[in-house]
Amino acid sequence: MRVAAPPVEGAANAAVTDAVAAALGLRRADVVLEGGPRGRRKILSAPAAARAALERLLAGA
């Protein structure tokens, strides 16, 4: 995933979190950046209830 936000003061991390939450139909607070805050690769966590939405997204990729 690419975002237009610059990697300054967490703007890019917030943009990624927002995009994932929107894609899964979750609140931003439900998606948590668990790792990779300064790198290109991020580790995010979301509630188990989002699993079906995630599987639909991945199946369409």
Protein backbone atom coordinates (compact mmCIF):
# COMPACT_ATOMS: atom_id res chain seq x y z
CA MET A 1 0.00 0.00 0.00
CA ARG A 2 1.25 3.47 -0.79
CA VAL A 3 0.09 6.64 0.87
CA ALA A 4 0.64 10.24 -0.15
CA ALA A 5 1.35 11.45 3.39
CA PRO A 6 4.99 12.28 4.11
CA PRO A 7 6.93 10.17 6.63
CA VAL A 8 7.09 13.11 9.03
CA GLU A 9 5.76 13.11 12.59
CA GLY A 10 3.81 9.90 12.04
CA ALA A 11 1.69 11.26 9.18
CA ALA A 12 2.39 8.26 6.93
CA ASN A 13 1.69 5.80 9.76
CA ALA A 14 -1.62 7.53 10.47
CA ALA A 15 -2.52 7.42 6.77
CA VAL A 16 -1.81 3.68 6.58
CA THR A 17 -3.81 3.02 9.75
CA ASP A 18 -6.72 5.11 8.43
CA ALA A 19 -6.69 3.33 5.07
CA VAL A 20 -6.65 -0.15 6.60
CA ALA A 21 -9.41 0.74 9.06
CA ALA A 22 -11.56 2.12 6.24
CA ALA A 23 -10.95 -0.94 4.05
CA LEU A 24 -11.96 -3.27 6.89
CA GLY A 25 -14.91 -1.15 8.01
CA LEU A 26 -13.37 -0.46 11.41
CA ARG A 27 -12.76 2.59 13.54
CA ARG A 28 -9.21 3.91 13.36
CA ALA A 29 -8.78 3.11 17.06
CA ASP A 30 -9.40 -0.58 16.26
CA VAL A 31 -6.32 -0.79 14.02
CA VAL A 32 -3.04 -0.56 15.93
CA LEU A 33 0.48 -0.13 14.58
CA GLU A 34 2.38 -2.90 16.38
CA GLY A 35 5.70 -2.65 14.59
CA GLY A 36 7.68 -0.85 11.93
CA PRO A 37 6.91 2.76 12.82
CA ARG A 38 10.05 4.01 11.08
CA GLY A 39 10.35 1.49 8.28
CA ARG A 40 8.53 0.72 5.07
CA ARG A 41 7.11 -2.53 6.41
CA LYS A 42 4.41 -2.17 9.04
CA ILE A 43 2.81 -4.66 11.40
CA LEU A 44 -0.79 -3.81 12.20
CA SER A 45 -3.28 -5.54 14.44
CA ALA A 46 -7.06 -5.52 14.18
CA PRO A 47 -9.85 -7.28 16.08
CA ALA A 48 -10.55 -10.89 15.18
CA ALA A 49 -14.00 -9.78 14.02
CA ALA A 50 -12.32 -8.13 11.01
CA ARG A 51 -11.00 -11.46 9.72
CA ALA A 52 -13.81 -12.03 7.22
CA ALA A 53 -13.39 -8.52 5.75
CA LEU A 54 -9.64 -9.07 5.48
CA GLU A 55 -10.11 -12.41 3.72
CA ARG A 56 -12.50 -10.78 1.21
CA LEU A 57 -9.95 -8.04 0.50
CA LEU A 58 -7.12 -10.51 0.03
CA ALA A 59 -9.21 -12.73 -2.22
CA GLY A 60 -9.89 -9.77 -4.50
CA ALA A 61 -6.20 -8.76 -4.68
